[in-house]
Amino acid sequence: MLSGHKQRKKKNREKVVRKKLLAKRAAALRVEREDKIRIQAERRVYAAMHRKPVLKKPSESEEIAKEIIKNDVMRKLEHNVEILKAMQEEHDREEAARNERNELLESQGSINLVDKMAALNALPKENQK
């Protein structure tokens, strides 16, 4: 039977050897994994380079579906254009009202921003818009 010191020394040595062995196994597995990934990538590239293009004539149903989608897209675009025109008209009306209000304030003698804000705050709420 081994003494306590020799047993600890032996266990420590076994731990060191076990760690080294695990590190070697991990390194070997890492190399294998990297090789496998590299080979798969090479196969994908090779397959992509040598793949024959699929030439297929579109069926009548596919053409009809494309036409329906095209018409739907055009309808949506026309709807969006109408919305944009309405928004532009609303913006132009608001811009004209602001310019008119600004000219009115300037004709009343309000030149700078502080004077204009004071004049606007003095107006009733419904006239401020």
Foldseek 3Di string as FASTA:
>chain_A
DDDPVVVVVVVVVVVVVVVVVVVVVVVVVVVVVVVVVVVVVVVVVVCVVPPDDDDDDDDPVVVVVVVVVVVVVVVVVVVVVVVVVVVVVVVVVVVVVVVVLVVVQVVVPQDDPVSSVVVLVVDPPVVND
